Amino acid sequence: MGAIISVDNDCVLYILIVEMKLEDLPGELWFLILSYLSPLESFYAFNNINNARIHSILTDMYLIRRDEDKCSSALNISLVHIPLYMYKFAVSNVISFYSNIIYSLTLSNDRTPGQINSFLQKYSFKYDFTYLKCLRLIEPSSNEFNIIINDLPNITRLDIQSKEMHSFDVNTIQKILYTKSSINSCCLSQFRQDYILNKSYSFIQKLVINSCNYLCFINILNHFSLLEKLSINILSMSPNVILSSINLMEKPVFIKELKIRAFSIPFDYLQILLPYFETIQIFSFAIVCDEGLYHF
């Protein structure tokens, strides 16, 4: 339909008014709109709309494929900092339907105490999340941590963030580092010396650590032979450590990317390691001391 806007001696200006339903919007515009929403927000917004095209768009947006022999997706579900109604919707309407094709999952007890335990009452990682590749746990209890790790499918990336990690079972952490061969990327809020098994082989290729000490850093370099990327946010040193007493590198290190923030560590203690990094490609290094922050 058309409408006349203005008329003068030379021309008549028309504006074409087209009525279009939401589901008739071009696919490119749909993908742009959905890119501003999380997967949970998208499913919640269109939960009560029974439209085949919208369902198809959501399926394409998150690469959801269901075949007789294989299921897959790029579906990332995060239950961090969401209101209670959204959590209930996620558990009842999204996860219950898509659990076996969810690619990434984040659970958190931070600001939502008991969330992980409640989740474990309803779902089993071993049987319900067969396609899961990435898992992030924020402030799990020691018991929840043990249950999940012992029940995990073949994930490739694991992120554990906890202020109470010092109380976690060491054997379970070692299982992550050495036994579960599918895990090649691991993020830990803390790394201790007793996590390392001297005569065991680790499949970890990327390791991100919030805090560890200098001697532990040396042992990581010596024992994680497949490690390609290492990032340590807080690298510290006990004041009674003497360089001459340290058993330094046992062999060359094949790390390609190294990012370190060192706190009150003499530069000589770090400089002496540099000749061992024969294949380094990306190197980011900062020293935090009383005089300030120095980048190299």
C-alpha atoms as a PDB file:
ATOM      1  CA  MET A   1       0.000   0.000   0.000  1.00  0.00           C
ATOM      2  CA  GLY A   2       1.189   3.560  -0.666  1.00  0.00           C
ATOM      3  CA  ALA A   3       0.686   7.012   0.792  1.00  0.00           C
ATOM      4  CA  ILE A   4       1.119  10.440  -0.844  1.00  0.00           C
ATOM      5  CA  ILE A   5       3.438  12.587   1.308  1.00  0.00           C
ATOM      6  CA  SER A   6       3.719  15.782  -0.733  1.00  0.00           C
ATOM      7  CA  VAL A   7       2.907  17.202  -4.146  1.00  0.00           C
ATOM      8  CA  ASP A   8       4.598  20.052  -5.989  1.00  0.00           C
ATOM      9  CA  ASN A   9       4.722  21.210  -9.586  1.00  0.00           C
ATOM     10  CA  ASP A  10       7.338  18.684 -10.622  1.00  0.00           C
ATOM     11  CA  CYS A  11       6.833  15.479  -8.707  1.00  0.00           C
ATOM     12  CA  VAL A  12       4.701  13.467  -6.406  1.00  0.00           C
ATOM     13  CA  LEU A  13       6.508  11.749  -3.508  1.00  0.00           C
ATOM     14  CA  TYR A  14       5.197   8.366  -2.408  1.00  0.00           C
ATOM     15  CA  ILE A  15       6.278   6.304   0.569  1.00  0.00           C
ATOM     16  CA  LEU A  16       5.596   2.610   0.397  1.00  0.00           C
ATOM     17  CA  ILE A  17       4.268   1.216   3.642  1.00  0.00           C
ATOM     18  CA  VAL A  18       4.743  -2.520   3.978  1.00  0.00           C
ATOM     19  CA  GLU A  19       3.249  -4.558   6.764  1.00  0.00           C
ATOM     20  CA  MET A  20       5.626  -7.301   7.928  1.00  0.00           C
ATOM     21  CA  LYS A  21       5.292  -9.856  10.676  1.00  0.00           C
ATOM     22  CA  LEU A  22       8.167 -10.478  13.083  1.00  0.00           C
ATOM     23  CA  GLU A  23       8.813 -13.957  11.719  1.00  0.00           C
ATOM     24  CA  ASP A  24       9.107 -12.527   8.181  1.00  0.00           C
ATOM     25  CA  LEU A  25      12.187 -10.434   8.977  1.00  0.00           C
ATOM     26  CA  PRO A  26      15.263 -11.372   6.905  1.00  0.00           C
ATOM     27  CA  GLY A  27      17.464 -14.040   8.438  1.00  0.00           C
ATOM     28  CA  GLU A  28      20.448 -11.646   8.636  1.00  0.00           C
ATOM     29  CA  LEU A  29      18.420  -9.259  10.789  1.00  0.00           C
ATOM     30  CA  TRP A  30      17.314 -12.123  13.035  1.00  0.00           C
ATOM     31  CA  PHE A  31      20.907 -13.204  13.626  1.00  0.00           C
ATOM     32  CA  LEU A  32      21.856  -9.597  14.414  1.00  0.00           C
ATOM     33  CA  ILE A  33      19.059  -9.320  16.994  1.00  0.00           C
ATOM     34  CA  LEU A  34      19.903 -12.660  18.602  1.00  0.00           C
ATOM     35  CA  SER A  35      23.587 -11.753  18.808  1.00  0.00           C
ATOM     36  CA  TYR A  36      22.649  -9.246  21.540  1.00  0.00           C
ATOM     37  CA  LEU A  37      20.974 -11.959  23.614  1.00  0.00           C
ATOM     38  CA  SER A  38      22.362 -14.918  25.494  1.00  0.00           C
ATOM     39  CA  PRO A  39      21.006 -18.334  24.427  1.00  0.00           C
ATOM     40  CA  LEU A  40      18.834 -18.462  27.553  1.00  0.00           C
ATOM     41  CA  GLU A  41      17.402 -15.022  26.828  1.00  0.00           C
ATOM     42  CA  SER A  42      16.659 -16.029  23.238  1.00  0.00           C
ATOM     43  CA  PHE A  43      14.833 -19.220  24.218  1.00  0.00           C
ATOM     44  CA  TYR A  44      12.943 -17.399  26.978  1.00  0.00           C
ATOM     45  CA  ALA A  45      11.873 -14.535  24.696  1.00  0.00           C
ATOM     46  CA  PHE A  46      10.381 -16.876  22.085  1.00  0.00           C
ATOM     47  CA  ASN A  47       9.266 -19.684  24.375  1.00  0.00           C
ATOM     48  CA  ASN A  48       5.536 -19.143  23.824  1.00  0.00           C
ATOM     49  CA  ILE A  49       5.742 -18.476  20.090  1.00  0.00           C
ATOM     50  CA  ASN A  50       4.797 -21.532  18.058  1.00  0.00           C
ATOM     51  CA  ASN A  51       6.370 -20.666  14.735  1.00  0.00           C
ATOM     52  CA  ALA A  52       8.394 -23.051  12.589  1.00  0.00           C
ATOM     53  CA  ARG A  53      10.608 -20.341  11.076  1.00  0.00           C
ATOM     54  CA  ILE A  54      11.576 -18.840  14.436  1.00  0.00           C
ATOM     55  CA  HIS A  55      12.361 -22.320  15.734  1.00  0.00           C
ATOM     56  CA  SER A  56      14.491 -22.917  12.642  1.00  0.00           C
ATOM     57  CA  ILE A  57      16.329 -19.604  13.149  1.00  0.00           C
ATOM     58  CA  LEU A  58      17.145 -20.476  16.778  1.00  0.00           C
ATOM     59  CA  THR A  59      18.360 -23.875  15.634  1.00  0.00           C
ATOM     60  CA  ASP A  60      20.617 -22.309  13.004  1.00  0.00           C
ATOM     61  CA  MET A  61      21.837 -19.601  15.408  1.00  0.00           C
ATOM     62  CA  TYR A  62      23.303 -22.182  17.775  1.00  0.00           C
ATOM     63  CA  LEU A  63      24.215 -24.737  15.086  1.00  0.00           C
ATOM     64  CA  ILE A  64      21.924 -27.331  16.618  1.00  0.00           C
ATOM     65  CA  ARG A  65      21.963 -30.581  14.686  1.00  0.00           C
ATOM     66  CA  ARG A  66      20.133 -33.750  15.632  1.00  0.00           C
ATOM     67  CA  ASP A  67      20.847 -36.787  13.470  1.00  0.00           C
ATOM     68  CA  GLU A  68      20.200 -40.435  14.132  1.00  0.00           C
ATOM     69  CA  ASP A  69      23.857 -41.157  14.861  1.00  0.00           C
ATOM     70  CA  LYS A  70      25.219 -37.793  15.958  1.00  0.00           C
ATOM     71  CA  CYS A  71      24.113 -34.627  17.746  1.00  0.00           C
ATOM     72  CA  SER A  72      26.012 -31.358  17.964  1.00  0.00           C
ATOM     73  CA  SER A  73      25.669 -27.647  18.683  1.00  0.00           C
ATOM     74  CA  ALA A  74      27.423 -24.427  19.656  1.00  0.00           C
ATOM     75  CA  LEU A  75      24.995 -23.975  22.533  1.00  0.00           C
ATOM     76  CA  ASN A  76      26.579 -22.214  25.522  1.00  0.00           C
ATOM     77  CA  ILE A  77      24.486 -22.166  28.691  1.00  0.00           C
ATOM     78  CA  SER A  78      25.527 -20.004  31.638  1.00  0.00           C
ATOM     79  CA  LEU A  79      23.596 -19.990  34.920  1.00  0.00           C
ATOM     80  CA  VAL A  80      25.749 -17.220  36.415  1.00  0.00           C
ATOM     81  CA  HIS A  81      24.024 -14.158  37.900  1.00  0.00           C
ATOM     82  CA  ILE A  82      20.581 -14.867  36.483  1.00  0.00           C
ATOM     83  CA  PRO A  83      17.286 -14.273  38.300  1.00  0.00           C
ATOM     84  CA  LEU A  84      15.411 -17.179  39.843  1.00  0.00           C
ATOM     85  CA  TYR A  85      12.696 -17.261  37.171  1.00  0.00           C
ATOM     86  CA  MET A  86      15.355 -17.549  34.453  1.00  0.00           C
ATOM     87  CA  TYR A  87      17.140 -20.336  36.348  1.00  0.00           C
ATOM     88  CA  LYS A  88      13.876 -22.297  36.665  1.00  0.00           C
ATOM     89  CA  PHE A  89      13.169 -21.760  32.971  1.00  0.00           C
ATOM     90  CA  ALA A  90      16.669 -22.900  32.021  1.00  0.00           C
ATOM     91  CA  VAL A  91      16.497 -26.078  34.082  1.00  0.00           C
ATOM     92  CA  SER A  92      12.952 -27.014  33.072  1.00  0.00           C
ATOM     93  CA  ASN A  93      12.657 -25.810  29.475  1.00  0.00           C
ATOM     94  CA  VAL A  94      16.119 -25.549  27.935  1.00  0.00           C
ATOM     95  CA  ILE A  95      18.564 -27.883  29.657  1.00  0.00           C
ATOM     96  CA  SER A  96      16.026 -30.673  30.016  1.00  0.00           C
ATOM     97  CA  PHE A  97      15.432 -30.580  26.241  1.00  0.00           C
ATOM     98  CA  TYR A  98      18.943 -29.808  24.948  1.00  0.00           C
ATOM     99  CA  SER A  99      21.172 -31.414  27.627  1.00  0.00           C
ATOM    100  CA  ASN A 100      22.698 -33.973  25.256  1.00  0.00           C
ATOM    101  CA  ILE A 101      23.821 -31.309  22.753  1.00  0.00           C
ATOM    102  CA  ILE A 102      24.965 -28.487  25.064  1.00  0.00           C
ATOM    103  CA  TYR A 103      28.508 -27.488  24.124  1.00  0.00           C
ATOM    104  CA  SER A 104      29.426 -25.319  27.119  1.00  0.00           C
ATOM    105  CA  LEU A 105      27.954 -25.061  30.621  1.00  0.00           C
ATOM    106  CA  THR A 106      28.667 -22.681  33.513  1.00  0.00           C
ATOM    107  CA  LEU A 107      27.406 -23.306  37.061  1.00  0.00           C
ATOM    108  CA  SER A 108      27.954 -21.041  40.053  1.00  0.00           C
ATOM    109  CA  ASN A 109      27.391 -20.942  43.802  1.00  0.00           C
ATOM    110  CA  ASP A 110      28.564 -17.330  43.868  1.00  0.00           C
ATOM    111  CA  ARG A 111      25.567 -15.109  44.745  1.00  0.00           C
ATOM    112  CA  THR A 112      23.354 -18.175  44.229  1.00  0.00           C
ATOM    113  CA  PRO A 113      24.272 -20.517  47.110  1.00  0.00           C
ATOM    114  CA  GLY A 114      23.222 -24.108  46.542  1.00  0.00           C
ATOM    115  CA  GLN A 115      22.815 -23.782  42.772  1.00  0.00           C
ATOM    116  CA  ILE A 116      25.321 -26.522  41.924  1.00  0.00           C
ATOM    117  CA  ASN A 117      23.886 -28.944  44.475  1.00  0.00           C
ATOM    118  CA  SER A 118      20.372 -28.268  43.185  1.00  0.00           C
ATOM    119  CA  PHE A 119      21.586 -28.885  39.643  1.00  0.00           C
ATOM    120  CA  LEU A 120      23.195 -32.199  40.637  1.00  0.00           C
ATOM    121  CA  GLN A 121      19.919 -33.358  42.168  1.00  0.00           C
ATOM    122  CA  LYS A 122      18.309 -33.156  38.733  1.00  0.00           C
ATOM    123  CA  TYR A 123      21.050 -33.987  36.231  1.00  0.00           C
ATOM    124  CA  SER A 124      23.935 -36.397  35.761  1.00  0.00           C
ATOM    125  CA  PHE A 125      26.962 -35.208  33.805  1.00  0.00           C
ATOM    126  CA  LYS A 126      27.738 -38.753  32.742  1.00  0.00           C
ATOM    127  CA  TYR A 127      24.331 -39.525  31.226  1.00  0.00           C
ATOM    128  CA  ASP A 128      22.715 -36.141  30.462  1.00  0.00           C
ATOM    129  CA  PHE A 129      25.615 -34.142  28.988  1.00  0.00           C
ATOM    130  CA  THR A 130      27.157 -36.535  26.515  1.00  0.00           C
ATOM    131  CA  TYR A 131      28.208 -33.791  24.064  1.00  0.00           C
ATOM    132  CA  LEU A 132      29.552 -31.317  26.667  1.00  0.00           C
ATOM    133  CA  LYS A 133      32.997 -29.948  25.745  1.00  0.00           C
ATOM    134  CA  CYS A 134      33.489 -27.025  28.136  1.00  0.00           C
ATOM    135  CA  LEU A 135      32.582 -26.776  31.818  1.00  0.00           C
ATOM    136  CA  ARG A 136      33.075 -23.864  34.196  1.00  0.00           C
ATOM    137  CA  LEU A 137      32.425 -24.200  37.937  1.00  0.00           C
ATOM    138  CA  ILE A 138      32.415 -21.146  40.203  1.00  0.00           C
ATOM    139  CA  GLU A 139      32.762 -21.702  43.948  1.00  0.00           C
ATOM    140  CA  PRO A 140      31.748 -25.379  44.034  1.00  0.00           C
ATOM    141  CA  SER A 141      32.003 -27.161  47.368  1.00  0.00           C
ATOM    142  CA  SER A 142      34.665 -29.831  47.763  1.00  0.00           C
ATOM    143  CA  ASN A 143      31.996 -32.560  47.654  1.00  0.00           C
ATOM    144  CA  GLU A 144      30.313 -31.094  44.552  1.00  0.00           C
ATOM    145  CA  PHE A 145      33.710 -30.840  42.884  1.00  0.00           C
ATOM    146  CA  ASN A 146      34.434 -34.541  43.535  1.00  0.00           C
ATOM    147  CA  ILE A 147      31.027 -35.661  42.276  1.00  0.00           C
ATOM    148  CA  ILE A 148      31.259 -33.678  39.038  1.00  0.00           C
ATOM    149  CA  ILE A 149      34.866 -34.550  38.163  1.00  0.00           C
ATOM    150  CA  ASN A 150      34.300 -38.250  38.757  1.00  0.00           C
ATOM    151  CA  ASP A 151      31.143 -38.111  36.612  1.00  0.00           C
ATOM    152  CA  LEU A 152      32.440 -35.995  33.731  1.00  0.00           C
ATOM    153  CA  PRO A 153      32.123 -37.041  30.076  1.00  0.00           C
ATOM    154  CA  ASN A 154      34.904 -36.378  27.580  1.00  0.00           C
ATOM    155  CA  ILE A 155      35.165 -32.613  27.936  1.00  0.00           C
ATOM    156  CA  THR A 156      38.115 -30.709  26.496  1.00  0.00           C
ATOM    157  CA  ARG A 157      38.112 -27.530  28.618  1.00  0.00           C
ATOM    158  CA  LEU A 158      37.637 -27.248  32.377  1.00  0.00           C
ATOM    159  CA  ASP A 159      37.567 -24.044  34.439  1.00  0.00           C
ATOM    160  CA  ILE A 160      37.490 -24.246  38.260  1.00  0.00           C
ATOM    161  CA  GLN A 161      37.292 -20.989  40.209  1.00  0.00           C
ATOM    162  CA  SER A 162      37.167 -21.276  43.997  1.00  0.00           C
ATOM    163  CA  LYS A 163      38.539 -19.393  46.989  1.00  0.00           C
ATOM    164  CA  GLU A 164      38.457 -22.717  48.884  1.00  0.00           C
ATOM    165  CA  MET A 165      40.497 -24.721  46.419  1.00  0.00           C
ATOM    166  CA  HIS A 166      43.097 -25.443  49.102  1.00  0.00           C
ATOM    167  CA  SER A 167      40.527 -27.761  50.722  1.00  0.00           C
ATOM    168  CA  PHE A 168      39.784 -29.746  47.550  1.00  0.00           C
ATOM    169  CA  ASP A 169      40.827 -33.369  47.275  1.00  0.00           C
ATOM    170  CA  VAL A 170      44.293 -33.505  45.693  1.00  0.00           C
ATOM    171  CA  ASN A 171      43.598 -36.875  44.042  1.00  0.00           C
ATOM    172  CA  THR A 172      40.610 -35.398  42.224  1.00  0.00           C
ATOM    173  CA  ILE A 173      42.680 -32.475  40.944  1.00  0.00           C
ATOM    174  CA  GLN A 174      45.372 -34.908  39.800  1.00  0.00           C
ATOM    175  CA  LYS A 175      42.697 -36.836  37.951  1.00  0.00           C
ATOM    176  CA  ILE A 176      41.967 -33.664  35.951  1.00  0.00           C
ATOM    177  CA  LEU A 177      45.630 -33.114  35.150  1.00  0.00           C
ATOM    178  CA  TYR A 178      46.678 -36.682  34.411  1.00  0.00           C
ATOM    179  CA  THR A 179      43.842 -39.199  34.101  1.00  0.00           C
ATOM    180  CA  LYS A 180      41.186 -37.489  31.988  1.00  0.00           C
ATOM    181  CA  SER A 181      43.046 -37.448  28.688  1.00  0.00           C
ATOM    182  CA  SER A 182      40.346 -35.512  26.800  1.00  0.00           C
ATOM    183  CA  ILE A 183      41.012 -32.358  28.881  1.00  0.00           C
ATOM    184  CA  ASN A 184      43.620 -30.298  27.036  1.00  0.00           C
ATOM    185  CA  SER A 185      42.746 -26.867  28.465  1.00  0.00           C
ATOM    186  CA  CYS A 186      42.440 -26.192  32.181  1.00  0.00           C
ATOM    187  CA  CYS A 187      41.880 -23.064  34.286  1.00  0.00           C
ATOM    188  CA  LEU A 188      42.503 -23.252  38.037  1.00  0.00           C
ATOM    189  CA  SER A 189      42.260 -20.558  40.678  1.00  0.00           C
ATOM    190  CA  GLN A 190      45.257 -22.071  42.457  1.00  0.00           C
ATOM    191  CA  PHE A 191      48.071 -24.500  41.649  1.00  0.00           C
ATOM    192  CA  ARG A 192      50.067 -26.238  44.362  1.00  0.00           C
ATOM    193  CA  GLN A 193      53.212 -28.333  44.352  1.00  0.00           C
ATOM    194  CA  ASP A 194      51.375 -31.479  45.486  1.00  0.00           C
ATOM    195  CA  TYR A 195      49.181 -31.411  42.372  1.00  0.00           C
ATOM    196  CA  ILE A 196      52.168 -32.645  40.331  1.00  0.00           C
ATOM    197  CA  LEU A 197      52.820 -36.363  39.859  1.00  0.00           C
ATOM    198  CA  ASN A 198      56.480 -36.796  38.955  1.00  0.00           C
ATOM    199  CA  LYS A 199      56.172 -40.027  37.005  1.00  0.00           C
ATOM    200  CA  SER A 200      52.851 -39.343  35.277  1.00  0.00           C
ATOM    201  CA  TYR A 201      52.023 -37.971  31.839  1.00  0.00           C
ATOM    202  CA  SER A 202      49.710 -34.996  31.394  1.00  0.00           C
ATOM    203  CA  PHE A 203      47.714 -34.185  28.261  1.00  0.00           C
ATOM    204  CA  ILE A 204      47.208 -30.535  29.231  1.00  0.00           C
ATOM    205  CA  GLN A 205      48.152 -28.141  26.413  1.00  0.00           C
ATOM    206  CA  LYS A 206      46.794 -24.896  27.845  1.00  0.00           C
ATOM    207  CA  LEU A 207      46.976 -24.009  31.533  1.00  0.00           C
ATOM    208  CA  VAL A 208      45.632 -20.814  33.100  1.00  0.00           C
ATOM    209  CA  ILE A 209      46.374 -20.301  36.790  1.00  0.00           C
ATOM    210  CA  ASN A 210      45.312 -17.445  39.015  1.00  0.00           C
ATOM    211  CA  SER A 211      48.065 -17.969  41.592  1.00  0.00           C
ATOM    212  CA  CYS A 212      51.066 -20.210  42.269  1.00  0.00           C
ATOM    213  CA  ASN A 213      54.583 -19.867  43.612  1.00  0.00           C
ATOM    214  CA  TYR A 214      57.904 -19.812  41.777  1.00  0.00           C
ATOM    215  CA  LEU A 215      58.984 -23.362  42.612  1.00  0.00           C
ATOM    216  CA  CYS A 216      55.616 -24.691  41.476  1.00  0.00           C
ATOM    217  CA  PHE A 217      56.037 -22.735  38.223  1.00  0.00           C
ATOM    218  CA  ILE A 218      59.407 -24.437  37.647  1.00  0.00           C
ATOM    219  CA  ASN A 219      57.893 -27.869  38.210  1.00  0.00           C
ATOM    220  CA  ILE A 220      55.021 -27.153  35.819  1.00  0.00           C
ATOM    221  CA  LEU A 221      57.559 -26.348  33.122  1.00  0.00           C
ATOM    222  CA  ASN A 222      59.479 -29.535  33.870  1.00  0.00           C
ATOM    223  CA  HIS A 223      56.561 -31.969  34.014  1.00  0.00           C
ATOM    224  CA  PHE A 224      53.888 -30.784  31.536  1.00  0.00           C
ATOM    225  CA  SER A 225      55.621 -31.785  28.326  1.00  0.00           C
ATOM    226  CA  LEU A 226      52.665 -31.048  26.005  1.00  0.00           C
ATOM    227  CA  LEU A 227      52.047 -27.587  27.433  1.00  0.00           C
ATOM    228  CA  GLU A 228      51.855 -24.912  24.693  1.00  0.00           C
ATOM    229  CA  LYS A 229      50.188 -22.017  26.534  1.00  0.00           C
ATOM    230  CA  LEU A 230      50.734 -21.009  30.155  1.00  0.00           C
ATOM    231  CA  SER A 231      49.269 -17.994  31.915  1.00  0.00           C
ATOM    232  CA  ILE A 232      49.815 -17.137  35.601  1.00  0.00           C
ATOM    233  CA  ASN A 233      48.093 -14.065  37.002  1.00  0.00           C
ATOM    234  CA  ILE A 234      49.880 -14.027  40.376  1.00  0.00           C
ATOM    235  CA  LEU A 235      53.348 -15.605  40.498  1.00  0.00           C
ATOM    236  CA  SER A 236      54.883 -15.226  43.951  1.00  0.00           C
ATOM    237  CA  MET A 237      57.903 -16.469  45.862  1.00  0.00           C
ATOM    238  CA  SER A 238      58.556 -17.444  49.454  1.00  0.00           C
ATOM    239  CA  PRO A 239      61.092 -15.056  51.006  1.00  0.00           C
ATOM    240  CA  ASN A 240      63.350 -17.932  52.147  1.00  0.00           C
ATOM    241  CA  VAL A 241      63.939 -19.331  48.633  1.00  0.00           C
ATOM    242  CA  ILE A 242      67.533 -19.037  47.451  1.00  0.00           C
ATOM    243  CA  LEU A 243      68.304 -19.347  43.749  1.00  0.00           C
ATOM    244  CA  SER A 244      71.307 -21.607  44.237  1.00  0.00           C
ATOM    245  CA  SER A 245      69.144 -24.130  46.074  1.00  0.00           C
ATOM    246  CA  ILE A 246      66.660 -24.487  43.238  1.00  0.00           C
ATOM    247  CA  ASN A 247      66.815 -27.437  40.899  1.00  0.00           C
ATOM    248  CA  LEU A 248      66.023 -25.487  37.761  1.00  0.00           C
ATOM    249  CA  MET A 249      65.040 -26.668  34.308  1.00  0.00           C
ATOM    250  CA  GLU A 250      65.586 -30.309  33.425  1.00  0.00           C
ATOM    251  CA  LYS A 251      65.175 -29.847  29.656  1.00  0.00           C
ATOM    252  CA  PRO A 252      64.061 -27.304  27.028  1.00  0.00           C
ATOM    253  CA  VAL A 253      60.457 -26.143  27.223  1.00  0.00           C
ATOM    254  CA  PHE A 254      58.266 -26.100  24.119  1.00  0.00           C
ATOM    255  CA  ILE A 255      55.757 -23.513  25.285  1.00  0.00           C
ATOM    256  CA  LYS A 256      54.617 -21.177  22.505  1.00  0.00           C
ATOM    257  CA  GLU A 257      52.753 -18.615  24.604  1.00  0.00           C
ATOM    258  CA  LEU A 258      53.691 -17.461  28.113  1.00  0.00           C
ATOM    259  CA  LYS A 259      51.974 -14.750  30.165  1.00  0.00           C
ATOM    260  CA  ILE A 260      53.263 -13.994  33.668  1.00  0.00           C
ATOM    261  CA  ARG A 261      52.540 -11.366  36.352  1.00  0.00           C
ATOM    262  CA  ALA A 262      55.259 -11.724  39.003  1.00  0.00           C
ATOM    263  CA  PHE A 263      54.956 -10.198  42.465  1.00  0.00           C
ATOM    264  CA  SER A 264      58.144  -9.231  44.330  1.00  0.00           C
ATOM    265  CA  ILE A 265      60.324 -11.742  42.472  1.00  0.00           C
ATOM    266  CA  PRO A 266      63.871 -10.661  41.515  1.00  0.00           C
ATOM    267  CA  PHE A 267      64.152 -10.308  37.755  1.00  0.00           C
ATOM    268  CA  ASP A 268      67.258 -12.536  37.781  1.00  0.00           C
ATOM    269  CA  TYR A 269      65.115 -15.464  38.951  1.00  0.00           C
ATOM    270  CA  LEU A 270      63.010 -15.132  35.813  1.00  0.00           C
ATOM    271  CA  GLN A 271      65.722 -14.124  33.372  1.00  0.00           C
ATOM    272  CA  ILE A 272      67.663 -17.310  34.059  1.00  0.00           C
ATOM    273  CA  LEU A 273      64.752 -19.329  32.604  1.00  0.00           C
ATOM    274  CA  LEU A 274      64.563 -17.547  29.257  1.00  0.00           C
ATOM    275  CA  PRO A 275      67.163 -19.671  27.382  1.00  0.00           C
ATOM    276  CA  TYR A 276      64.984 -22.745  27.959  1.00  0.00           C
ATOM    277  CA  PHE A 277      62.059 -21.304  25.972  1.00  0.00           C
ATOM    278  CA  GLU A 278      63.258 -22.318  22.524  1.00  0.00           C
ATOM    279  CA  THR A 279      59.891 -22.172  20.743  1.00  0.00           C
ATOM    280  CA  ILE A 280      58.309 -19.158  22.450  1.00  0.00           C
ATOM    281  CA  GLN A 281      56.164 -17.034  20.083  1.00  0.00           C
ATOM    282  CA  ILE A 282      54.176 -14.818  22.441  1.00  0.00           C
ATOM    283  CA  PHE A 283      55.708 -13.577  25.681  1.00  0.00           C
ATOM    284  CA  SER A 284      54.006 -11.200  28.108  1.00  0.00           C
ATOM    285  CA  PHE A 285      55.738 -10.456  31.366  1.00  0.00           C
ATOM    286  CA  ALA A 286      55.055  -7.970  34.166  1.00  0.00           C
ATOM    287  CA  ILE A 287      56.737  -7.453  37.533  1.00  0.00           C
ATOM    288  CA  VAL A 288      54.721  -5.925  40.369  1.00  0.00           C
ATOM    289  CA  CYS A 289      56.919  -4.475  43.119  1.00  0.00           C
ATOM    290  CA  ASP A 290      56.985  -1.601  45.590  1.00  0.00           C
ATOM    291  CA  GLU A 291      58.099   0.786  42.845  1.00  0.00           C
ATOM    292  CA  GLY A 292      55.128  -0.063  40.619  1.00  0.00           C
ATOM    293  CA  LEU A 293      54.305  -2.246  37.602  1.00  0.00           C
ATOM    294  CA  TYR A 294      56.909  -3.022  34.943  1.00  0.00           C
ATOM    295  CA  HIS A 295      56.014  -4.609  31.581  1.00  0.00           C
ATOM    296  CA  PHE A 296      58.422  -6.507  29.315  1.00  0.00           C
END
